[in-house]
Amino acid sequence: MIKIAKAIIALGILTTILQAQMQIDARGLGLCGTYTAASRGYASVGINPANLGFDSGNRFEMNLVSANVSGFNNFLSLYWFNTFFTGDPLTRHRTNPDPINFDALVPGQDYSYKTLFLGLVPDEGFSFGFATYIPHPILNVSWDNYAITSGLEIYERTTIPKGILRIALEGNPVDSSYGLSFAQDIIIIDNISFSFAIPFDDFNIGITTKYLAGLGYAGVDSSGGQLVTSPQGLMADGFYRYTRAIGGNGLAIDVGISTNPIGKWQFSASVNNVIGRIYFGKENYLTAGIGAVEAIVPVRSMLQIPTGTKQFTAQTLYTFNIDSINAVKFFNSNLDSIIYSNEKDLGTFDSLSINYPAIFRMGAKYAIHPEMDWYMDLSAGFDTYYYAVQKWRFATGVEMTRFKRFRFRTGMAWGGRYGNEMGFGIGYQLPLIKIDFGLRLLGGYSLQKAQGIEVGLNSSLHF
């Protein structure tokens, strides 16, 4: 059973190596997302378009090659993984590399390592996923008070029920029940934005309009079930609806405001995705050229979407039922007579509407020194879905510009999805090229304690 648990956890750890954050560049990562007042140029789009009204020292800026990669889960850090599966990194690992015995009592406590482990898992289950934003090279530009940007968003989140981990660690004790709800979302969106800022005497107002092209959606959007153990045997039932769609169209609008400096202070606020919504399954440039696309990748066949119609959606319902299975029945009966499973094609549907969640931000900048700025941010999502979470998040960061070529950044955050965060970053400036690197730890202040990590690299042309 322990091997099963380790396999499940390893899946989450491996998955989190490939994960990322939406629409924030490497400089923003270094400031730990403290970007409402700090963002400039095309990097303001998706954060606060009003900042396009400020003179950043460059009349023109263009993205060259950029990428963010990060990973997260909802409870397991490298410290806990090493503690449970490779030996405690602070003590046991140096003298005894063997994994901890889950049935042994925690020193000085009256509960086992198994109980400690399961207590760390949230009631919703073990969640892990990834979210990456890749700006299209050369197609992100800003000039004067305007910007045109585009990029690819990929988001995936999977939640394994806590009951599965309990079964893996505890076996199947009699008179126990386990929830079997499972959730998954895979969303791929291409966005194209036009932004502008209008400067006034004391402040700037900015607006971004975004066209959202749905490239693909796949997920378990409805599920339920329960496994029950009794003296007569094991009983279970469950259902999982698997929904798929390609193509789609949507619209979102950002609005923002930023004051001109008031002494050493500057204040900003924005709302992203005021009316954000995307309808998957509608025709767009992807579906219009589906023949050329499928000459390379058989998208519809992979997603089990019918190819003989102009519908680009599909749903399948999977159900199962286990009727009082025990050791005697397992070894002496035809399993098909006691384990029932069914796959039902629910056909196509017109479209799948997904909220592109709104986020409120407000921030401030304080010029500590001509060569050092201090930033503060307060933000919250209007909904808990996709990359937003309906919790307040406070972040603060510092950027030092003392050196001619180098920029140094760091920041911390509390609240939001991950609780504790810390960011580090460095920038290198040449006469025409800027290169930035940023690192953000999610859920902790060190690599050992963090539950995720986000890395970004930016290069841009400016003059």
Protein backbone atom coordinates (compact mmCIF):
# COMPACT_ATOMS: atom_id res chain seq x y z
CA MET A 1 0.00 0.00 0.00
CA ILE A 2 2.85 2.37 0.80
CA LYS A 3 4.22 1.87 -2.73
CA ILE A 4 0.86 2.92 -4.18
CA ALA A 5 0.84 6.06 -2.06
CA LYS A 6 4.40 6.87 -3.12
CA ALA A 7 3.44 6.47 -6.78
CA ILE A 8 0.50 8.85 -6.39
CA ILE A 9 2.60 11.44 -4.58
CA ALA A 10 5.44 11.11 -7.10
CA LEU A 11 2.96 11.81 -9.89
CA GLY A 12 2.11 15.09 -8.22
CA ILE A 13 5.77 15.98 -7.64
CA LEU A 14 6.73 15.22 -11.26
CA THR A 15 3.76 17.14 -12.58
CA THR A 16 4.62 20.22 -10.57
CA ILE A 17 7.99 20.51 -12.31
CA LEU A 18 6.17 21.81 -15.38
CA GLN A 19 3.89 24.48 -14.03
CA ALA A 20 3.46 28.24 -14.31
CA GLN A 21 1.58 31.44 -13.57
CA MET A 22 -0.66 33.59 -15.79
CA GLN A 23 0.48 36.81 -17.48
CA ILE A 24 3.31 37.98 -15.29
CA ASP A 25 6.87 38.42 -16.50
CA ALA A 26 10.18 37.60 -14.85
CA ARG A 27 10.50 41.06 -13.28
CA GLY A 28 7.10 40.60 -11.65
CA LEU A 29 8.12 37.18 -10.33
CA GLY A 30 11.22 38.69 -8.72
CA LEU A 31 8.95 41.17 -6.93
CA CYS A 32 6.71 38.27 -5.85
CA GLY A 33 3.82 39.53 -7.96
CA THR A 34 3.89 43.05 -6.48
CA TYR A 35 3.17 44.51 -9.91
CA THR A 36 0.07 46.76 -9.87
CA ALA A 37 2.20 49.90 -9.55
CA ALA A 38 5.51 48.44 -10.76
CA SER A 39 4.66 47.07 -14.23
CA ARG A 40 5.70 49.07 -17.27
CA GLY A 41 5.47 48.79 -21.06
CA TYR A 42 3.76 45.74 -22.57
CA ALA A 43 4.25 43.94 -19.22
CA SER A 44 1.48 46.19 -17.85
CA VAL A 45 -1.09 44.35 -19.96
CA GLY A 46 -2.93 41.80 -17.85
CA ILE A 47 -1.95 43.71 -14.69
CA ASN A 48 -2.68 47.44 -14.98
CA PRO A 49 -2.91 49.05 -18.45
CA ALA A 50 -2.86 52.56 -16.91
CA ASN A 51 0.89 52.13 -16.42
CA LEU A 52 1.32 52.45 -20.21
CA GLY A 53 0.88 56.19 -19.62
CA PHE A 54 4.18 56.50 -17.76
CA ASP A 55 7.48 57.30 -19.43
CA SER A 56 9.62 54.22 -18.81
CA GLY A 57 12.56 55.69 -20.69
CA ASN A 58 11.73 53.68 -23.83
CA ARG A 59 9.54 54.85 -26.71
CA PHE A 60 9.35 51.29 -28.06
CA GLU A 61 9.62 47.87 -26.42
CA MET A 62 9.20 44.40 -27.95
CA ASN A 63 9.30 40.95 -26.41
CA LEU A 64 11.90 38.62 -27.92
CA VAL A 65 11.76 35.28 -26.12
CA SER A 66 10.05 34.73 -22.78
CA ALA A 67 8.72 31.82 -20.77
CA ASN A 68 7.40 31.10 -17.29
CA VAL A 69 7.49 27.62 -15.83
CA SER A 70 6.30 26.70 -12.36
CA GLY A 71 4.66 24.02 -10.30
CA PHE A 72 2.42 23.68 -7.27
CA ASN A 73 0.40 21.29 -5.16
CA ASN A 74 -1.77 21.92 -2.12
CA PHE A 75 0.14 20.35 0.77
CA LEU A 76 3.37 18.52 -0.03
CA SER A 77 6.72 20.28 0.24
CA LEU A 78 10.16 18.84 -0.47
CA TYR A 79 10.71 18.74 3.30
CA TRP A 80 7.65 16.54 3.91
CA PHE A 81 8.39 14.36 0.89
CA ASN A 82 11.90 13.67 2.16
CA THR A 83 10.59 13.15 5.69
CA PHE A 84 8.03 10.52 4.68
CA PHE A 85 9.64 8.81 1.70
CA THR A 86 13.42 9.26 1.77
CA GLY A 87 14.14 9.95 5.46
CA ASP A 88 14.11 13.18 7.43
CA PRO A 89 16.54 15.57 5.69
CA LEU A 90 17.64 17.15 8.97
CA THR A 91 18.42 14.02 10.99
CA ARG A 92 17.58 10.59 9.59
CA HIS A 93 18.79 11.28 6.05
CA ARG A 94 22.40 11.60 7.17
CA THR A 95 22.53 8.38 9.17
CA ASN A 96 19.55 6.33 7.99
CA PRO A 97 18.39 6.91 4.41
CA ASP A 98 15.52 4.42 4.72
CA PRO A 99 11.96 5.80 4.51
CA ILE A 100 10.05 6.27 7.73
CA ASN A 101 7.82 3.45 8.95
CA PHE A 102 4.33 4.91 8.54
CA ASP A 103 2.97 2.76 11.36
CA ALA A 104 5.58 3.99 13.85
CA LEU A 105 4.64 6.66 16.37
CA VAL A 106 5.96 10.17 15.88
CA PRO A 107 8.57 10.74 18.63
CA GLY A 108 6.95 12.36 21.67
CA GLN A 109 3.42 11.97 20.25
CA ASP A 110 0.62 9.42 20.57
CA TYR A 111 -0.13 9.24 16.83
CA SER A 112 1.66 7.57 13.91
CA TYR A 113 3.42 9.01 10.88
CA LYS A 114 0.47 7.69 8.86
CA THR A 115 -1.92 9.90 10.85
CA LEU A 116 0.47 12.84 10.53
CA PHE A 117 0.63 12.42 6.75
CA LEU A 118 -3.14 12.14 6.27
CA GLY A 119 -3.64 15.17 8.53
CA LEU A 120 -1.59 17.25 6.10
CA VAL A 121 -3.86 16.36 3.16
CA PRO A 122 -6.73 18.89 2.78
CA ASP A 123 -10.28 17.53 2.88
CA GLU A 124 -10.69 18.37 -0.83
CA GLY A 125 -7.93 15.86 -1.64
CA PHE A 126 -4.48 16.03 -3.19
CA SER A 127 -4.46 18.75 -5.86
CA PHE A 128 -1.67 19.48 -8.28
CA GLY A 129 -1.51 21.16 -11.63
CA PHE A 130 0.21 23.61 -13.91
CA ALA A 131 -0.48 26.97 -15.50
CA THR A 132 1.86 28.54 -18.04
CA TYR A 133 1.79 31.74 -20.03
CA ILE A 134 4.06 31.93 -23.08
CA PRO A 135 4.12 35.31 -24.87
CA HIS A 136 4.38 34.96 -28.64
CA PRO A 137 7.88 36.10 -29.67
CA ILE A 138 7.97 39.55 -31.34
CA LEU A 139 4.15 39.83 -31.09
CA ASN A 140 4.18 41.73 -27.79
CA VAL A 141 5.00 45.39 -28.34
CA SER A 142 4.40 48.73 -26.64
CA TRP A 143 4.96 52.24 -27.94
CA ASP A 144 4.01 55.56 -26.42
CA ASN A 145 0.72 54.85 -24.55
CA TYR A 146 -0.27 51.78 -26.58
CA ALA A 147 0.41 48.05 -26.54
CA ILE A 148 -0.49 44.99 -28.59
CA THR A 149 0.15 41.68 -26.88
CA SER A 150 -0.57 37.99 -27.44
CA GLY A 151 0.26 34.73 -25.74
CA LEU A 152 -0.62 31.14 -25.06
CA GLU A 153 -2.17 30.09 -21.73
CA ILE A 154 -2.11 26.46 -20.62
CA TYR A 155 -3.70 25.47 -17.33
CA GLU A 156 -4.13 22.05 -15.74
CA ARG A 157 -5.34 21.10 -12.29
CA THR A 158 -6.13 17.62 -10.99
CA THR A 159 -7.59 16.67 -7.62
CA ILE A 160 -7.29 13.09 -6.34
CA PRO A 161 -9.76 12.29 -3.54
CA LYS A 162 -8.32 12.00 -0.06
CA GLY A 163 -10.06 8.63 0.25
CA ILE A 164 -7.67 7.12 -2.31
CA LEU A 165 -4.69 8.08 -0.15
CA ARG A 166 -6.42 6.74 2.97
CA ILE A 167 -7.04 3.39 1.25
CA ALA A 168 -3.43 3.26 0.08
CA LEU A 169 -2.11 3.86 3.61
CA GLU A 170 -4.76 2.21 5.82
CA GLY A 171 -5.95 -0.63 3.60
CA ASN A 172 -9.68 -1.22 3.94
CA PRO A 173 -10.68 -1.38 7.62
CA VAL A 174 -14.25 -2.53 8.26
CA ASP A 175 -17.05 0.05 8.62
CA SER A 176 -15.20 2.82 6.83
CA SER A 177 -16.33 5.01 3.95
CA TYR A 178 -14.29 6.98 1.43
CA GLY A 179 -15.36 9.72 -0.98
CA LEU A 180 -14.35 9.11 -4.58
CA SER A 181 -15.00 12.50 -6.20
CA PHE A 182 -12.36 13.37 -8.78
CA ALA A 183 -11.79 16.67 -10.60
CA GLN A 184 -9.68 17.79 -13.51
CA ASP A 185 -9.46 20.82 -15.79
CA ILE A 186 -7.20 21.26 -18.80
CA ILE A 187 -7.64 24.64 -20.50
CA ILE A 188 -5.69 26.03 -23.46
CA ILE A 189 -6.37 29.61 -24.57
CA ASP A 190 -4.69 31.95 -27.05
CA ASN A 191 -5.24 35.62 -26.25
CA ILE A 192 -4.73 38.78 -28.30
CA SER A 193 -4.98 42.17 -26.57
CA PHE A 194 -4.99 45.83 -27.47
CA SER A 195 -4.30 48.30 -24.66
CA PHE A 196 -4.02 52.02 -24.30
CA ALA A 197 -3.62 54.60 -21.54
CA ILE A 198 -5.02 58.12 -21.41
CA PRO A 199 -2.83 60.50 -19.37
CA PHE A 200 -4.48 63.30 -17.37
CA ASP A 201 -2.83 65.97 -15.26
CA ASP A 202 -2.72 63.90 -12.06
CA PHE A 203 -3.37 60.31 -13.15
CA ASN A 204 -3.62 57.83 -16.03
CA ILE A 205 -6.56 55.64 -17.02
CA GLY A 206 -5.92 52.45 -18.98
CA ILE A 207 -8.10 49.95 -20.83
CA THR A 208 -7.32 46.54 -22.32
CA THR A 209 -9.61 44.56 -24.60
CA LYS A 210 -8.79 40.87 -25.02
CA TYR A 211 -9.93 38.40 -27.63
CA LEU A 212 -9.80 34.90 -26.15
CA ALA A 213 -9.45 32.06 -28.65
CA GLY A 214 -10.28 28.73 -27.09
CA LEU A 215 -7.90 26.09 -28.35
CA GLY A 216 -9.00 23.22 -26.14
CA TYR A 217 -10.75 22.08 -22.99
CA ALA A 218 -10.83 18.65 -21.41
CA GLY A 219 -11.85 17.76 -17.91
CA VAL A 220 -13.89 15.81 -15.41
CA ASP A 221 -16.44 18.52 -14.67
CA SER A 222 -18.86 16.39 -12.63
CA SER A 223 -18.18 13.37 -10.43
CA GLY A 224 -19.21 11.58 -7.28
CA GLY A 225 -19.08 8.26 -5.53
CA GLN A 226 -18.31 6.40 -2.34
CA LEU A 227 -16.47 3.27 -1.28
CA VAL A 228 -17.78 1.52 1.85
CA THR A 229 -16.27 -1.42 3.72
CA SER A 230 -18.48 -3.73 5.81
CA PRO A 231 -18.23 -7.22 7.32
CA GLN A 232 -19.92 -8.54 4.16
CA GLY A 233 -17.35 -7.02 1.84
CA LEU A 234 -16.47 -3.93 -0.10
CA MET A 235 -19.13 -1.88 -1.91
CA ALA A 236 -18.61 1.12 -4.16
CA ASP A 237 -20.27 3.21 -6.81
CA GLY A 238 -19.31 6.32 -8.70
CA PHE A 239 -19.72 8.42 -11.81
CA TYR A 240 -17.38 10.67 -13.79
CA ARG A 241 -18.41 12.96 -16.65
CA TYR A 242 -15.60 13.66 -19.09
CA THR A 243 -16.16 16.79 -21.20
CA ARG A 244 -14.10 17.87 -24.22
CA ALA A 245 -14.20 20.82 -26.59
CA ILE A 246 -11.94 22.49 -29.14
CA GLY A 247 -12.30 25.93 -30.66
CA GLY A 248 -14.05 28.79 -28.95
CA ASN A 249 -14.29 32.54 -28.59
CA GLY A 250 -14.41 34.96 -25.70
CA LEU A 251 -13.86 38.51 -24.59
CA ALA A 252 -12.38 40.16 -21.52
CA ILE A 253 -11.73 43.77 -20.51
CA ASP A 254 -9.22 45.23 -18.04
CA VAL A 255 -9.47 48.72 -16.58
CA GLY A 256 -6.91 50.49 -14.45
CA ILE A 257 -5.90 53.79 -12.90
CA SER A 258 -2.52 55.05 -11.70
CA THR A 259 -1.70 58.38 -10.08
CA ASN A 260 1.28 60.47 -10.96
CA PRO A 261 3.88 60.61 -8.16
CA ILE A 262 2.62 62.35 -5.02
CA GLY A 263 5.86 63.23 -3.32
CA LYS A 264 7.61 59.87 -2.99
CA TRP A 265 4.36 57.91 -3.38
CA GLN A 266 2.42 56.62 -6.34
CA PHE A 267 -0.88 54.67 -6.18
CA SER A 268 -2.53 52.26 -8.64
CA ALA A 269 -5.61 50.06 -8.93
CA SER A 270 -7.09 47.80 -11.60
CA VAL A 271 -9.73 45.18 -12.30
CA ASN A 272 -8.74 42.43 -14.73
CA ASN A 273 -11.32 40.55 -16.83
CA VAL A 274 -14.33 42.71 -15.91
CA ILE A 275 -16.59 40.74 -18.27
CA GLY A 276 -14.31 37.80 -18.97
CA ARG A 277 -15.96 34.69 -20.40
CA ILE A 278 -15.06 32.15 -23.09
CA TYR A 279 -17.32 29.78 -24.99
CA PHE A 280 -15.50 26.59 -25.95
CA GLY A 281 -16.75 24.57 -28.91
CA LYS A 282 -17.45 27.55 -31.19
CA GLU A 283 -15.76 27.96 -34.57
CA ASN A 284 -12.58 30.03 -34.68
CA TYR A 285 -9.30 30.03 -36.60
CA LEU A 286 -8.35 26.65 -35.11
CA THR A 287 -11.53 24.88 -36.24
CA ALA A 288 -11.46 26.69 -39.60
CA GLY A 289 -8.10 25.09 -40.30
CA ILE A 290 -8.76 21.82 -38.48
CA GLY A 291 -7.81 19.78 -41.56
CA ALA A 292 -4.31 21.23 -41.66
CA VAL A 293 -3.96 20.88 -37.90
CA GLU A 294 -5.02 17.21 -37.91
CA ALA A 295 -2.59 16.43 -40.70
CA ILE A 296 0.00 16.93 -37.95
CA VAL A 297 -1.90 16.09 -34.74
CA PRO A 298 -5.21 14.14 -34.79
CA VAL A 299 -6.82 16.42 -32.21
CA ARG A 300 -10.40 15.18 -32.45
CA SER A 301 -9.40 11.51 -32.47
CA MET A 302 -7.26 12.03 -29.39
CA LEU A 303 -10.18 13.68 -27.58
CA GLN A 304 -12.76 11.25 -28.97
CA ILE A 305 -14.69 14.06 -30.68
CA PRO A 306 -16.72 13.06 -33.77
CA THR A 307 -14.98 14.03 -37.02
CA GLY A 308 -17.95 13.82 -39.41
CA THR A 309 -19.78 16.95 -38.18
CA LYS A 310 -19.13 20.62 -37.51
CA GLN A 311 -19.59 20.03 -33.80
CA PHE A 312 -16.36 20.31 -31.85
CA THR A 313 -17.58 19.02 -28.49
CA ALA A 314 -18.19 15.68 -26.78
CA GLN A 315 -19.21 14.28 -23.40
CA THR A 316 -18.86 10.79 -21.96
CA LEU A 317 -20.31 9.47 -18.71
CA TYR A 318 -18.38 6.71 -16.93
CA THR A 319 -20.10 4.81 -14.12
CA PHE A 320 -19.14 1.82 -11.97
CA ASN A 321 -20.62 -0.27 -9.21
CA ILE A 322 -19.05 -2.88 -6.93
CA ASP A 323 -21.49 -5.19 -5.18
CA SER A 324 -20.16 -6.61 -1.89
CA ILE A 325 -16.85 -7.96 -3.10
CA ASN A 326 -14.74 -9.98 -0.65
CA ALA A 327 -11.82 -12.37 -0.91
CA VAL A 328 -14.04 -15.39 -1.58
CA LYS A 329 -15.96 -13.69 -4.38
CA PHE A 330 -12.82 -12.15 -5.81
CA PHE A 331 -11.09 -15.52 -6.30
CA ASN A 332 -14.14 -17.66 -7.08
CA SER A 333 -16.42 -15.48 -9.20
CA ASN A 334 -16.36 -13.85 -12.57
CA LEU A 335 -15.37 -10.26 -11.80
CA ASP A 336 -17.80 -8.96 -14.42
CA SER A 337 -20.64 -10.25 -12.26
CA ILE A 338 -19.63 -8.20 -9.21
CA ILE A 339 -17.85 -5.20 -10.74
CA TYR A 340 -20.05 -3.32 -13.16
CA SER A 341 -18.75 -0.48 -15.32
CA ASN A 342 -20.37 1.42 -18.13
CA GLU A 343 -19.33 4.04 -20.65
CA LYS A 344 -22.11 6.16 -22.15
CA ASP A 345 -21.63 8.61 -24.99
CA LEU A 346 -23.65 11.74 -24.11
CA GLY A 347 -23.16 13.18 -27.59
CA THR A 348 -22.19 16.71 -28.54
CA PHE A 349 -23.37 20.00 -27.09
CA ASP A 350 -23.53 23.52 -28.48
CA SER A 351 -20.80 25.13 -26.37
CA LEU A 352 -19.15 25.12 -22.96
CA SER A 353 -19.14 28.47 -21.14
CA ILE A 354 -16.19 29.06 -18.81
CA ASN A 355 -15.65 32.07 -16.57
CA TYR A 356 -12.43 33.96 -17.23
CA PRO A 357 -12.17 35.12 -13.61
CA ALA A 358 -11.92 38.76 -12.60
CA ILE A 359 -9.21 39.98 -10.20
CA PHE A 360 -9.13 43.22 -8.24
CA ARG A 361 -5.73 44.78 -7.52
CA MET A 362 -4.52 47.89 -5.77
CA GLY A 363 -0.92 48.85 -5.20
CA ALA A 364 1.50 51.55 -4.18
CA LYS A 365 5.07 52.57 -4.87
CA TYR A 366 7.35 54.43 -2.47
CA ALA A 367 10.68 55.84 -3.63
CA ILE A 368 12.93 54.95 -0.71
CA HIS A 369 15.95 56.29 -2.57
CA PRO A 370 16.60 57.41 -6.18
CA GLU A 371 18.11 53.95 -6.67
CA MET A 372 15.59 51.87 -4.68
CA ASP A 373 11.79 51.52 -4.87
CA TRP A 374 9.42 49.79 -2.45
CA TYR A 375 6.17 48.29 -3.79
CA MET A 376 3.01 47.02 -2.06
CA ASP A 377 0.03 45.11 -3.49
CA LEU A 378 -3.37 43.93 -2.25
CA SER A 379 -5.41 41.68 -4.54
CA ALA A 380 -8.24 39.14 -4.59
CA GLY A 381 -10.18 37.16 -7.16
CA PHE A 382 -13.92 37.55 -7.63
CA ASP A 383 -14.17 33.77 -7.98
CA THR A 384 -12.13 30.66 -7.18
CA TYR A 385 -11.42 29.12 -10.54
CA TYR A 386 -8.65 28.88 -13.10
CA TYR A 387 -5.79 31.09 -11.84
CA ALA A 388 -7.92 33.21 -9.46
CA VAL A 389 -8.84 32.58 -5.84
CA GLN A 390 -11.42 34.39 -3.72
CA LYS A 391 -8.97 35.27 -0.96
CA TRP A 392 -7.07 38.44 -0.16
CA ARG A 393 -3.35 38.44 -0.90
CA PHE A 394 -0.89 41.08 0.34
CA ALA A 395 2.53 41.35 -1.27
CA THR A 396 5.50 43.65 -0.89
CA GLY A 397 8.71 43.94 -2.86
CA VAL A 398 11.86 46.01 -3.30
CA GLU A 399 13.83 46.78 -6.47
CA MET A 400 17.36 48.19 -6.44
CA THR A 401 18.63 50.03 -9.56
CA ARG A 402 21.94 51.35 -8.23
CA PHE A 403 24.12 49.54 -10.76
CA LYS A 404 24.26 50.63 -14.39
CA ARG A 405 23.61 47.19 -15.88
CA PHE A 406 22.07 45.15 -13.07
CA ARG A 407 18.72 45.27 -11.27
CA PHE A 408 18.08 43.29 -8.08
CA ARG A 409 14.61 42.42 -6.76
CA THR A 410 13.00 40.53 -3.93
CA GLY A 411 9.53 40.27 -2.44
CA MET A 412 7.22 38.38 -0.09
CA ALA A 413 3.48 37.67 -0.03
CA TRP A 414 0.88 36.36 2.41
CA GLY A 415 -2.61 34.99 1.83
CA GLY A 416 -4.16 34.08 -1.51
CA ARG A 417 -3.95 30.54 -2.86
CA TYR A 418 -0.54 29.63 -1.47
CA GLY A 419 -0.39 31.37 1.91
CA ASN A 420 3.30 32.30 2.05
CA GLU A 421 5.43 33.25 -0.97
CA MET A 422 8.87 34.65 -1.62
CA GLY A 423 10.39 36.03 -4.83
CA PHE A 424 13.91 36.78 -6.06
CA GLY A 425 14.98 38.34 -9.33
CA ILE A 426 17.80 39.88 -11.29
CA GLY A 427 17.84 41.98 -14.44
CA TYR A 428 20.61 42.81 -16.90
CA GLN A 429 20.33 45.82 -19.21
CA LEU A 430 22.26 46.51 -22.40
CA PRO A 431 21.71 49.56 -24.60
CA LEU A 432 19.05 47.76 -26.69
CA ILE A 433 18.37 44.48 -24.87
CA LYS A 434 16.93 43.71 -21.42
CA ILE A 435 17.16 40.26 -19.83
CA ASP A 436 15.30 39.41 -16.63
CA PHE A 437 15.18 36.30 -14.47
CA GLY A 438 12.68 35.71 -11.69
CA LEU A 439 12.01 32.97 -9.16
CA ARG A 440 9.00 32.67 -6.86
CA LEU A 441 8.50 30.09 -4.10
CA LEU A 442 4.86 29.11 -3.53
CA GLY A 443 3.62 28.05 -0.11
CA GLY A 444 6.88 28.61 1.77
CA TYR A 445 9.95 30.79 2.17
CA SER A 446 12.55 28.15 1.25
CA LEU A 447 12.98 25.40 -1.33
CA GLN A 448 12.50 22.84 1.44
CA LYS A 449 9.20 24.25 2.71
CA ALA A 450 7.65 25.53 -0.56
CA GLN A 451 4.79 23.58 -2.16
CA GLY A 452 5.64 24.91 -5.60
CA ILE A 453 8.13 26.94 -7.56
CA GLU A 454 7.76 29.37 -10.45
CA VAL A 455 10.58 30.45 -12.75
CA GLY A 456 10.53 33.09 -15.48
CA LEU A 457 12.99 34.32 -18.09
CA ASN A 458 12.39 37.43 -20.19
CA SER A 459 14.28 39.10 -23.02
CA SER A 460 13.11 42.24 -24.78
CA LEU A 461 14.23 44.87 -27.28
CA HIS A 462 13.86 48.50 -26.19
CA PHE A 463 14.85 51.92 -27.46
